[in-house]
Amino acid sequence: MNTLGLPSVWRRAASALALAATLALPAALSAQSTADSRKTYDLPADNADKALRRFSEQAGIQVLFPTEITRDVRAGAVKGTLTVREALDQMLAGTGLVAVQDSRTGA
């Protein structure tokens, strides 16, 4: 149990949901040409907060996320020529973290 009285597995599930609500792709991704363009990625597996920062640099986009949620999560490696979404989904696969984009604002 943690200090909030929640078992760690529940806390992690709540954290994943919080990340899904706060991890954002920029409005530029709403443009079809940007979403479909491919870039070459070479990102090693790492703690999710570090991996997402590196991803943001290589993708040339801003990714917003709370570090208290990503700190203890291990993100997967991403290597190859992919769209931004494919690369991000590959990185987060199996972590319980989900990237979301607001359909209204594109964020």
PDB file of N, CA and C in Angstrom:
ATOM      1  N   MET A   1       0.841  -1.187   0.000  1.00  0.00           N
ATOM      2  CA  MET A   1       0.000   0.000   0.000  1.00  0.00           C
ATOM      3  C   MET A   1       0.878   1.240   0.000  1.00  0.00           C
ATOM      4  N   ASN A   2       0.402   2.263  -0.676  1.00  0.00           N
ATOM      5  CA  ASN A   2       1.121   3.527  -0.661  1.00  0.00           C
ATOM      6  C   ASN A   2       0.493   4.463   0.353  1.00  0.00           C
ATOM      7  N   THR A   3       0.983   5.683   0.386  1.00  0.00           N
ATOM      8  CA  THR A   3       0.472   6.634   1.374  1.00  0.00           C
ATOM      9  C   THR A   3      -0.963   7.049   1.095  1.00  0.00           C
ATOM     10  N   LEU A   4      -1.448   6.822  -0.096  1.00  0.00           N
ATOM     11  CA  LEU A   4      -2.832   7.147  -0.418  1.00  0.00           C
ATOM     12  C   LEU A   4      -3.780   6.013  -0.056  1.00  0.00           C
ATOM     13  N   GLY A   5      -3.248   4.897   0.389  1.00  0.00           N
ATOM     14  CA  GLY A   5      -4.075   3.766   0.764  1.00  0.00           C
ATOM     15  C   GLY A   5      -4.467   2.901  -0.418  1.00  0.00           C
ATOM     16  N   LEU A   6      -3.870   3.120  -1.577  1.00  0.00           N
ATOM     17  CA  LEU A   6      -4.174   2.314  -2.758  1.00  0.00           C
ATOM     18  C   LEU A   6      -3.054   1.327  -3.006  1.00  0.00           C
ATOM     19  N   PRO A   7      -3.383   0.095  -3.333  1.00  0.00           N
ATOM     20  CA  PRO A   7      -2.335  -0.847  -3.707  1.00  0.00           C
ATOM     21  C   PRO A   7      -1.580  -0.298  -4.910  1.00  0.00           C
ATOM     22  N   SER A   8      -0.298  -0.635  -5.027  1.00  0.00           N
ATOM     23  CA  SER A   8       0.526  -0.076  -6.104  1.00  0.00           C
ATOM     24  C   SER A   8      -0.017  -0.426  -7.487  1.00  0.00           C
ATOM     25  N   VAL A   9      -0.620  -1.590  -7.668  1.00  0.00           N
ATOM     26  CA  VAL A   9      -1.154  -1.948  -8.974  1.00  0.00           C
ATOM     27  C   VAL A   9      -2.312  -1.021  -9.357  1.00  0.00           C
ATOM     28  N   TRP A  10      -3.131  -0.626  -8.406  1.00  0.00           N
ATOM     29  CA  TRP A  10      -4.222   0.309  -8.690  1.00  0.00           C
ATOM     30  C   TRP A  10      -3.665   1.693  -8.972  1.00  0.00           C
ATOM     31  N   ARG A  11      -2.637   2.069  -8.199  1.00  0.00           N
ATOM     32  CA  ARG A  11      -2.030   3.377  -8.414  1.00  0.00           C
ATOM     33  C   ARG A  11      -1.450   3.448  -9.825  1.00  0.00           C
ATOM     34  N   ARG A  12      -0.817   2.356 -10.260  1.00  0.00           N
ATOM     35  CA  ARG A  12      -0.230   2.339 -11.598  1.00  0.00           C
ATOM     36  C   ARG A  12      -1.318   2.412 -12.674  1.00  0.00           C
ATOM     37  N   ALA A  13      -2.432   1.706 -12.466  1.00  0.00           N
ATOM     38  CA  ALA A  13      -3.539   1.772 -13.421  1.00  0.00           C
ATOM     39  C   ALA A  13      -4.102   3.185 -13.482  1.00  0.00           C
ATOM     40  N   ALA A  14      -4.251   3.822 -12.337  1.00  0.00           N
ATOM     41  CA  ALA A  14      -4.735   5.203 -12.309  1.00  0.00           C
ATOM     42  C   ALA A  14      -3.746   6.123 -13.005  1.00  0.00           C
ATOM     43  N   SER A  15      -2.463   5.854 -12.823  1.00  0.00           N
ATOM     44  CA  SER A  15      -1.437   6.655 -13.480  1.00  0.00           C
ATOM     45  C   SER A  15      -1.507   6.504 -14.992  1.00  0.00           C
ATOM     46  N   ALA A  16      -1.733   5.278 -15.456  1.00  0.00           N
ATOM     47  CA  ALA A  16      -1.833   5.051 -16.899  1.00  0.00           C
ATOM     48  C   ALA A  16      -3.017   5.811 -17.475  1.00  0.00           C
ATOM     49  N   LEU A  17      -4.129   5.807 -16.758  1.00  0.00           N
ATOM     50  CA  LEU A  17      -5.284   6.566 -17.223  1.00  0.00           C
ATOM     51  C   LEU A  17      -4.997   8.056 -17.210  1.00  0.00           C
ATOM     52  N   ALA A  18      -4.302   8.526 -16.197  1.00  0.00           N
ATOM     53  CA  ALA A  18      -3.948   9.940 -16.141  1.00  0.00           C
ATOM     54  C   ALA A  18      -3.042  10.303 -17.295  1.00  0.00           C
ATOM     55  N   LEU A  19      -2.095   9.418 -17.635  1.00  0.00           N
ATOM     56  CA  LEU A  19      -1.217   9.695 -18.756  1.00  0.00           C
ATOM     57  C   LEU A  19      -2.014   9.745 -20.044  1.00  0.00           C
ATOM     58  N   ALA A  20      -2.961   8.832 -20.201  1.00  0.00           N
ATOM     59  CA  ALA A  20      -3.772   8.832 -21.408  1.00  0.00           C
ATOM     60  C   ALA A  20      -4.507  10.154 -21.563  1.00  0.00           C
ATOM     61  N   ALA A  21      -4.840  10.771 -20.459  1.00  0.00           N
ATOM     62  CA  ALA A  21      -5.549  12.042 -20.507  1.00  0.00           C
ATOM     63  C   ALA A  21      -4.613  13.228 -20.685  1.00  0.00           C
ATOM     64  N   THR A  22      -3.318  13.046 -20.419  1.00  0.00           N
ATOM     65  CA  THR A  22      -2.429  14.198 -20.451  1.00  0.00           C
ATOM     66  C   THR A  22      -1.302  14.112 -21.466  1.00  0.00           C
ATOM     67  N   LEU A  23      -0.983  12.937 -21.973  1.00  0.00           N
ATOM     68  CA  LEU A  23       0.035  12.816 -22.994  1.00  0.00           C
ATOM     69  C   LEU A  23      -0.555  13.346 -24.278  1.00  0.00           C
ATOM     70  N   ALA A  24       0.087  14.308 -24.890  1.00  0.00           N
ATOM     71  CA  ALA A  24      -0.530  14.965 -26.036  1.00  0.00           C
ATOM     72  C   ALA A  24       0.421  15.048 -27.212  1.00  0.00           C
ATOM     73  N   LEU A  25      -0.120  14.879 -28.380  1.00  0.00           N
ATOM     74  CA  LEU A  25       0.601  15.132 -29.612  1.00  0.00           C
ATOM     75  C   LEU A  25       0.210  16.525 -30.081  1.00  0.00           C
ATOM     76  N   PRO A  26       1.095  17.233 -30.742  1.00  0.00           N
ATOM     77  CA  PRO A  26       0.793  18.610 -31.116  1.00  0.00           C
ATOM     78  C   PRO A  26      -0.275  18.718 -32.181  1.00  0.00           C
ATOM     79  N   ALA A  27      -0.832  19.898 -32.289  1.00  0.00           N
ATOM     80  CA  ALA A  27      -1.871  20.157 -33.282  1.00  0.00           C
ATOM     81  C   ALA A  27      -1.371  19.879 -34.689  1.00  0.00           C
ATOM     82  N   ALA A  28      -0.071  20.009 -34.896  1.00  0.00           N
ATOM     83  CA  ALA A  28       0.480  19.762 -36.233  1.00  0.00           C
ATOM     84  C   ALA A  28       0.197  18.349 -36.710  1.00  0.00           C
ATOM     85  N   LEU A  29       0.031  17.404 -35.789  1.00  0.00           N
ATOM     86  CA  LEU A  29      -0.253  16.032 -36.198  1.00  0.00           C
ATOM     87  C   LEU A  29      -1.633  15.878 -36.803  1.00  0.00           C
ATOM     88  N   SER A  30      -2.514  16.844 -36.582  1.00  0.00           N
ATOM     89  CA  SER A  30      -3.839  16.732 -37.162  1.00  0.00           C
ATOM     90  C   SER A  30      -3.803  16.920 -38.668  1.00  0.00           C
ATOM     91  N   ALA A  31      -2.768  17.541 -39.175  1.00  0.00           N
ATOM     92  CA  ALA A  31      -2.621  17.696 -40.624  1.00  0.00           C
ATOM     93  C   ALA A  31      -2.228  16.343 -41.213  1.00  0.00           C
ATOM     94  N   GLN A  32      -2.948  15.899 -42.208  1.00  0.00           N
ATOM     95  CA  GLN A  32      -2.729  14.579 -42.786  1.00  0.00           C
ATOM     96  C   GLN A  32      -1.295  14.403 -43.278  1.00  0.00           C
ATOM     97  N   SER A  33      -0.717  15.417 -43.926  1.00  0.00           N
ATOM     98  CA  SER A  33       0.636  15.269 -44.458  1.00  0.00           C
ATOM     99  C   SER A  33       1.657  15.051 -43.349  1.00  0.00           C
ATOM    100  N   THR A  34       1.500  15.706 -42.208  1.00  0.00           N
ATOM    101  CA  THR A  34       2.427  15.527 -41.098  1.00  0.00           C
ATOM    102  C   THR A  34       2.259  14.150 -40.484  1.00  0.00           C
ATOM    103  N   ALA A  35       1.031  13.730 -40.286  1.00  0.00           N
ATOM    104  CA  ALA A  35       0.760  12.435 -39.672  1.00  0.00           C
ATOM    105  C   ALA A  35       1.258  11.291 -40.542  1.00  0.00           C
ATOM    106  N   ASP A  36       1.222  11.464 -41.847  1.00  0.00           N
ATOM    107  CA  ASP A  36       1.634  10.406 -42.762  1.00  0.00           C
ATOM    108  C   ASP A  36       3.120  10.438 -43.096  1.00  0.00           C
ATOM    109  N   SER A  37       3.817  11.534 -42.801  1.00  0.00           N
ATOM    110  CA  SER A  37       5.231  11.610 -43.146  1.00  0.00           C
ATOM    111  C   SER A  37       6.027  10.674 -42.245  1.00  0.00           C
ATOM    112  N   ARG A  38       7.072  10.128 -42.792  1.00  0.00           N
ATOM    113  CA  ARG A  38       7.886   9.153 -42.072  1.00  0.00           C
ATOM    114  C   ARG A  38       9.236   9.760 -41.738  1.00  0.00           C
ATOM    115  N   LYS A  39       9.751   9.363 -40.584  1.00  0.00           N
ATOM    116  CA  LYS A  39      11.082   9.765 -40.137  1.00  0.00           C
ATOM    117  C   LYS A  39      11.803   8.515 -39.680  1.00  0.00           C
ATOM    118  N   THR A  40      13.109   8.615 -39.654  1.00  0.00           N
ATOM    119  CA  THR A  40      13.913   7.501 -39.179  1.00  0.00           C
ATOM    120  C   THR A  40      14.207   7.720 -37.701  1.00  0.00           C
ATOM    121  N   TYR A  41      13.882   6.714 -36.903  1.00  0.00           N
ATOM    122  CA  TYR A  41      14.070   6.761 -35.460  1.00  0.00           C
ATOM    123  C   TYR A  41      15.107   5.738 -35.037  1.00  0.00           C
ATOM    124  N   ASP A  42      15.882   6.096 -34.038  1.00  0.00           N
ATOM    125  CA  ASP A  42      16.841   5.178 -33.428  1.00  0.00           C
ATOM    126  C   ASP A  42      16.870   5.504 -31.939  1.00  0.00           C
ATOM    127  N   LEU A  43      15.913   4.936 -31.219  1.00  0.00           N
ATOM    128  CA  LEU A  43      15.740   5.219 -29.797  1.00  0.00           C
ATOM    129  C   LEU A  43      15.875   3.927 -28.996  1.00  0.00           C
ATOM    130  N   PRO A  44      16.806   3.890 -28.049  1.00  0.00           N
ATOM    131  CA  PRO A  44      16.946   2.684 -27.227  1.00  0.00           C
ATOM    132  C   PRO A  44      15.828   2.585 -26.201  1.00  0.00           C
ATOM    133  N   ALA A  45      15.605   1.398 -25.682  1.00  0.00           N
ATOM    134  CA  ALA A  45      14.677   1.234 -24.562  1.00  0.00           C
ATOM    135  C   ALA A  45      15.249   2.023 -23.391  1.00  0.00           C
ATOM    136  N   ASP A  46      14.371   2.670 -22.640  1.00  0.00           N
ATOM    137  CA  ASP A  46      14.828   3.516 -21.533  1.00  0.00           C
ATOM    138  C   ASP A  46      13.634   3.812 -20.636  1.00  0.00           C
ATOM    139  N   ASN A  47      13.876   4.503 -19.529  1.00  0.00           N
ATOM    140  CA  ASN A  47      12.766   4.977 -18.710  1.00  0.00           C
ATOM    141  C   ASN A  47      11.890   5.844 -19.601  1.00  0.00           C
ATOM    142  N   ALA A  48      10.580   5.736 -19.429  1.00  0.00           N
ATOM    143  CA  ALA A  48       9.642   6.413 -20.327  1.00  0.00           C
ATOM    144  C   ALA A  48       9.853   7.925 -20.372  1.00  0.00           C
ATOM    145  N   ASP A  49      10.164   8.553 -19.242  1.00  0.00           N
ATOM    146  CA  ASP A  49      10.349  10.007 -19.279  1.00  0.00           C
ATOM    147  C   ASP A  49      11.537  10.391 -20.156  1.00  0.00           C
ATOM    148  N   LYS A  50      12.635   9.666 -20.063  1.00  0.00           N
ATOM    149  CA  LYS A  50      13.800   9.939 -20.916  1.00  0.00           C
ATOM    150  C   LYS A  50      13.504   9.581 -22.372  1.00  0.00           C
ATOM    151  N   ALA A  51      12.866   8.436 -22.575  1.00  0.00           N
ATOM    152  CA  ALA A  51      12.557   7.983 -23.932  1.00  0.00           C
ATOM    153  C   ALA A  51      11.625   8.960 -24.643  1.00  0.00           C
ATOM    154  N   LEU A  52      10.627   9.471 -23.933  1.00  0.00           N
ATOM    155  CA  LEU A  52       9.696  10.415 -24.550  1.00  0.00           C
ATOM    156  C   LEU A  52      10.374  11.737 -24.892  1.00  0.00           C
ATOM    157  N   ARG A  53      11.315  12.166 -24.068  1.00  0.00           N
ATOM    158  CA  ARG A  53      12.071  13.390 -24.400  1.00  0.00           C
ATOM    159  C   ARG A  53      12.902  13.185 -25.660  1.00  0.00           C
ATOM    160  N   ARG A  54      13.575  12.038 -25.738  1.00  0.00           N
ATOM    161  CA  ARG A  54      14.375  11.738 -26.942  1.00  0.00           C
ATOM    162  C   ARG A  54      13.474  11.606 -28.163  1.00  0.00           C
ATOM    163  N   PHE A  55      12.338  10.948 -27.985  1.00  0.00           N
ATOM    164  CA  PHE A  55      11.382  10.811 -29.080  1.00  0.00           C
ATOM    165  C   PHE A  55      10.959  12.197 -29.578  1.00  0.00           C
ATOM    166  N   SER A  56      10.630  13.076 -28.661  1.00  0.00           N
ATOM    167  CA  SER A  56      10.199  14.423 -29.003  1.00  0.00           C
ATOM    168  C   SER A  56      11.256  15.137 -29.844  1.00  0.00           C
ATOM    169  N   GLU A  57      12.525  14.986 -29.467  1.00  0.00           N
ATOM    170  CA  GLU A  57      13.619  15.601 -30.221  1.00  0.00           C
ATOM    171  C   GLU A  57      13.722  15.014 -31.626  1.00  0.00           C
ATOM    172  N   GLN A  58      13.707  13.681 -31.727  1.00  0.00           N
ATOM    173  CA  GLN A  58      13.855  13.045 -33.037  1.00  0.00           C
ATOM    174  C   GLN A  58      12.651  13.288 -33.934  1.00  0.00           C
ATOM    175  N   ALA A  59      11.457  13.332 -33.339  1.00  0.00           N
ATOM    176  CA  ALA A  59      10.229  13.531 -34.127  1.00  0.00           C
ATOM    177  C   ALA A  59      10.032  14.995 -34.497  1.00  0.00           C
ATOM    178  N   GLY A  60      10.651  15.892 -33.747  1.00  0.00           N
ATOM    179  CA  GLY A  60      10.470  17.318 -34.003  1.00  0.00           C
ATOM    180  C   GLY A  60       9.113  17.827 -33.547  1.00  0.00           C
ATOM    181  N   ILE A  61       8.558  17.185 -32.525  1.00  0.00           N
ATOM    182  CA  ILE A  61       7.267  17.596 -31.978  1.00  0.00           C
ATOM    183  C   ILE A  61       7.382  17.710 -30.467  1.00  0.00           C
ATOM    184  N   GLN A  62       6.421  18.365 -29.871  1.00  0.00           N
ATOM    185  CA  GLN A  62       6.377  18.449 -28.413  1.00  0.00           C
ATOM    186  C   GLN A  62       5.413  17.389 -27.892  1.00  0.00           C
ATOM    187  N   VAL A  63       5.869  16.614 -26.925  1.00  0.00           N
ATOM    188  CA  VAL A  63       5.034  15.607 -26.286  1.00  0.00           C
ATOM    189  C   VAL A  63       4.915  16.001 -24.815  1.00  0.00           C
ATOM    190  N   LEU A  64       3.700  16.144 -24.353  1.00  0.00           N
ATOM    191  CA  LEU A  64       3.452  16.540 -22.970  1.00  0.00           C
ATOM    192  C   LEU A  64       3.104  15.320 -22.142  1.00  0.00           C
ATOM    193  N   PHE A  65       3.722  15.211 -20.956  1.00  0.00           N
ATOM    194  CA  PHE A  65       3.442  14.083 -20.090  1.00  0.00           C
ATOM    195  C   PHE A  65       3.906  14.422 -18.675  1.00  0.00           C
ATOM    196  N   PRO A  66       3.231  13.862 -17.670  1.00  0.00           N
ATOM    197  CA  PRO A  66       3.656  14.077 -16.283  1.00  0.00           C
ATOM    198  C   PRO A  66       4.774  13.094 -15.911  1.00  0.00           C
ATOM    199  N   THR A  67       5.912  13.615 -15.506  1.00  0.00           N
ATOM    200  CA  THR A  67       7.050  12.744 -15.202  1.00  0.00           C
ATOM    201  C   THR A  67       6.806  11.835 -14.014  1.00  0.00           C
ATOM    202  N   GLU A  68       5.926  12.215 -13.093  1.00  0.00           N
ATOM    203  CA  GLU A  68       5.668  11.331 -11.954  1.00  0.00           C
ATOM    204  C   GLU A  68       4.975  10.040 -12.384  1.00  0.00           C
ATOM    205  N   ILE A  69       4.352  10.036 -13.533  1.00  0.00           N
ATOM    206  CA  ILE A  69       3.697   8.834 -14.049  1.00  0.00           C
ATOM    207  C   ILE A  69       4.659   7.995 -14.885  1.00  0.00           C
ATOM    208  N   THR A  70       5.537   8.640 -15.620  1.00  0.00           N
ATOM    209  CA  THR A  70       6.434   7.923 -16.528  1.00  0.00           C
ATOM    210  C   THR A  70       7.736   7.490 -15.880  1.00  0.00           C
ATOM    211  N   ARG A  71       8.044   8.026 -14.724  1.00  0.00           N
ATOM    212  CA  ARG A  71       9.342   7.808 -14.068  1.00  0.00           C
ATOM    213  C   ARG A  71       9.690   6.328 -13.882  1.00  0.00           C
ATOM    214  N   ASP A  72       8.767   5.506 -13.457  1.00  0.00           N
ATOM    215  CA  ASP A  72       9.046   4.102 -13.166  1.00  0.00           C
ATOM    216  C   ASP A  72       8.593   3.139 -14.260  1.00  0.00           C
ATOM    217  N   VAL A  73       8.372   3.661 -15.453  1.00  0.00           N
ATOM    218  CA  VAL A  73       7.908   2.847 -16.573  1.00  0.00           C
ATOM    219  C   VAL A  73       9.042   2.706 -17.588  1.00  0.00           C
ATOM    220  N   ARG A  74       9.237   1.512 -18.097  1.00  0.00           N
ATOM    221  CA  ARG A  74      10.276   1.261 -19.101  1.00  0.00           C
ATOM    222  C   ARG A  74       9.633   1.258 -20.479  1.00  0.00           C
ATOM    223  N   ALA A  75      10.073   2.168 -21.340  1.00  0.00           N
ATOM    224  CA  ALA A  75       9.560   2.258 -22.717  1.00  0.00           C
ATOM    225  C   ALA A  75      10.437   1.408 -23.631  1.00  0.00           C
ATOM    226  N   GLY A  76       9.824   0.909 -24.683  1.00  0.00           N
ATOM    227  CA  GLY A  76      10.539   0.064 -25.624  1.00  0.00           C
ATOM    228  C   GLY A  76      11.376   0.849 -26.613  1.00  0.00           C
ATOM    229  N   ALA A  77      12.289   0.145 -27.247  1.00  0.00           N
ATOM    230  CA  ALA A  77      13.133   0.742 -28.281  1.00  0.00           C
ATOM    231  C   ALA A  77      12.305   1.009 -29.537  1.00  0.00           C
ATOM    232  N   VAL A  78      12.715   2.015 -30.281  1.00  0.00           N
ATOM    233  CA  VAL A  78      12.074   2.334 -31.552  1.00  0.00           C
ATOM    234  C   VAL A  78      13.190   2.498 -32.573  1.00  0.00           C
ATOM    235  N   LYS A  79      13.125   1.707 -33.615  1.00  0.00           N
ATOM    236  CA  LYS A  79      14.151   1.771 -34.643  1.00  0.00           C
ATOM    237  C   LYS A  79      13.492   1.530 -35.988  1.00  0.00           C
ATOM    238  N   GLY A  80      13.744   2.427 -36.914  1.00  0.00           N
ATOM    239  CA  GLY A  80      13.207   2.255 -38.253  1.00  0.00           C
ATOM    240  C   GLY A  80      12.587   3.531 -38.771  1.00  0.00           C
ATOM    241  N   THR A  81      12.032   3.438 -39.964  1.00  0.00           N
ATOM    242  CA  THR A  81      11.385   4.574 -40.605  1.00  0.00           C
ATOM    243  C   THR A  81       9.884   4.425 -40.406  1.00  0.00           C
ATOM    244  N   LEU A  82       9.327   5.322 -39.601  1.00  0.00           N
ATOM    245  CA  LEU A  82       7.942   5.219 -39.158  1.00  0.00           C
ATOM    246  C   LEU A  82       7.277   6.585 -39.146  1.00  0.00           C
ATOM    247  N   THR A  83       5.939   6.577 -39.092  1.00  0.00           N
ATOM    248  CA  THR A  83       5.226   7.824 -38.837  1.00  0.00           C
ATOM    249  C   THR A  83       5.386   8.147 -37.356  1.00  0.00           C
ATOM    250  N   VAL A  84       5.082   9.374 -36.988  1.00  0.00           N
ATOM    251  CA  VAL A  84       5.161   9.781 -35.586  1.00  0.00           C
ATOM    252  C   VAL A  84       4.291   8.861 -34.727  1.00  0.00           C
ATOM    253  N   ARG A  85       3.087   8.614 -35.174  1.00  0.00           N
ATOM    254  CA  ARG A  85       2.158   7.791 -34.391  1.00  0.00           C
ATOM    255  C   ARG A  85       2.647   6.354 -34.260  1.00  0.00           C
ATOM    256  N   GLU A  86       3.151   5.784 -35.361  1.00  0.00           N
ATOM    257  CA  GLU A  86       3.670   4.415 -35.312  1.00  0.00           C
ATOM    258  C   GLU A  86       4.835   4.315 -34.327  1.00  0.00           C
ATOM    259  N   ALA A  87       5.730   5.293 -34.369  1.00  0.00           N
ATOM    260  CA  ALA A  87       6.892   5.285 -33.475  1.00  0.00           C
ATOM    261  C   ALA A  87       6.460   5.408 -32.014  1.00  0.00           C
ATOM    262  N   LEU A  88       5.541   6.314 -31.745  1.00  0.00           N
ATOM    263  CA  LEU A  88       5.073   6.510 -30.375  1.00  0.00           C
ATOM    264  C   LEU A  88       4.330   5.277 -29.868  1.00  0.00           C
ATOM    265  N   ASP A  89       3.496   4.702 -30.693  1.00  0.00           N
ATOM    266  CA  ASP A  89       2.780   3.481 -30.293  1.00  0.00           C
ATOM    267  C   ASP A  89       3.745   2.328 -30.034  1.00  0.00           C
ATOM    268  N   GLN A  90       4.784   2.223 -30.866  1.00  0.00           N
ATOM    269  CA  GLN A  90       5.787   1.169 -30.674  1.00  0.00           C
ATOM    270  C   GLN A  90       6.518   1.382 -29.353  1.00  0.00           C
ATOM    271  N   MET A  91       6.866   2.612 -29.049  1.00  0.00           N
ATOM    272  CA  MET A  91       7.576   2.922 -27.815  1.00  0.00           C
ATOM    273  C   MET A  91       6.744   2.575 -26.573  1.00  0.00           C
ATOM    274  N   LEU A  92       5.457   2.872 -26.631  1.00  0.00           N
ATOM    275  CA  LEU A  92       4.595   2.694 -25.462  1.00  0.00           C
ATOM    276  C   LEU A  92       3.959   1.304 -25.361  1.00  0.00           C
ATOM    277  N   ALA A  93       4.123   0.468 -26.381  1.00  0.00           N
ATOM    278  CA  ALA A  93       3.525  -0.873 -26.383  1.00  0.00           C
ATOM    279  C   ALA A  93       3.954  -1.657 -25.144  1.00  0.00           C
ATOM    280  N   GLY A  94       2.978  -2.229 -24.466  1.00  0.00           N
ATOM    281  CA  GLY A  94       3.240  -3.056 -23.304  1.00  0.00           C
ATOM    282  C   GLY A  94       3.540  -2.299 -22.019  1.00  0.00           C
ATOM    283  N   THR A  95       3.479  -0.982 -22.052  1.00  0.00           N
ATOM    284  CA  THR A  95       3.790  -0.192 -20.856  1.00  0.00           C
ATOM    285  C   THR A  95       2.565   0.137 -20.027  1.00  0.00           C
ATOM    286  N   GLY A  96       1.386   0.033 -20.614  1.00  0.00           N
ATOM    287  CA  GLY A  96       0.178   0.487 -19.945  1.00  0.00           C
ATOM    288  C   GLY A  96      -0.069   1.965 -20.180  1.00  0.00           C
ATOM    289  N   LEU A  97       0.849   2.632 -20.875  1.00  0.00           N
ATOM    290  CA  LEU A  97       0.697   4.044 -21.211  1.00  0.00           C
ATOM    291  C   LEU A  97       0.116   4.173 -22.608  1.00  0.00           C
ATOM    292  N   VAL A  98      -0.690   5.191 -22.810  1.00  0.00           N
ATOM    293  CA  VAL A  98      -1.361   5.389 -24.089  1.00  0.00           C
ATOM    294  C   VAL A  98      -1.248   6.849 -24.497  1.00  0.00           C
ATOM    295  N   ALA A  99      -0.900   7.098 -25.738  1.00  0.00           N
ATOM    296  CA  ALA A  99      -0.869   8.466 -26.261  1.00  0.00           C
ATOM    297  C   ALA A  99      -2.235   8.782 -26.841  1.00  0.00           C
ATOM    298  N   VAL A 100      -2.739   9.952 -26.538  1.00  0.00           N
ATOM    299  CA  VAL A 100      -4.028  10.370 -27.074  1.00  0.00           C
ATOM    300  C   VAL A 100      -3.891  11.735 -27.738  1.00  0.00           C
ATOM    301  N   GLN A 101      -4.767  11.964 -28.694  1.00  0.00           N
ATOM    302  CA  GLN A 101      -4.810  13.243 -29.385  1.00  0.00           C
ATOM    303  C   GLN A 101      -6.238  13.740 -29.339  1.00  0.00           C
ATOM    304  N   ASP A 102      -6.413  14.977 -28.924  1.00  0.00           N
ATOM    305  CA  ASP A 102      -7.732  15.592 -28.856  1.00  0.00           C
ATOM    306  C   ASP A 102      -8.239  15.831 -30.282  1.00  0.00           C
ATOM    307  N   SER A 103      -9.354  15.228 -30.630  1.00  0.00           N
ATOM    308  CA  SER A 103      -9.874  15.345 -31.998  1.00  0.00           C
ATOM    309  C   SER A 103     -10.355  16.764 -32.312  1.00  0.00           C
ATOM    310  N   ARG A 104     -10.680  17.512 -31.301  1.00  0.00           N
ATOM    311  CA  ARG A 104     -11.159  18.882 -31.515  1.00  0.00           C
ATOM    312  C   ARG A 104     -10.009  19.861 -31.739  1.00  0.00           C
ATOM    313  N   THR A 105      -8.989  19.780 -30.910  1.00  0.00           N
ATOM    314  CA  THR A 105      -7.888  20.759 -30.980  1.00  0.00           C
ATOM    315  C   THR A 105      -6.645  20.222 -31.678  1.00  0.00           C
ATOM    316  N   GLY A 106      -6.515  18.909 -31.786  1.00  0.00           N
ATOM    317  CA  GLY A 106      -5.320  18.323 -32.365  1.00  0.00           C
ATOM    318  C   GLY A 106      -4.210  18.140 -31.349  1.00  0.00           C
ATOM    319  N   ALA A 107      -4.371  18.683 -30.152  1.00  0.00           N
ATOM    320  CA  ALA A 107      -3.327  18.546 -29.118  1.00  0.00           C
ATOM    321  C   ALA A 107      -3.284  17.112 -28.630  1.00  0.00           C
TER     322      ALA A 107
END
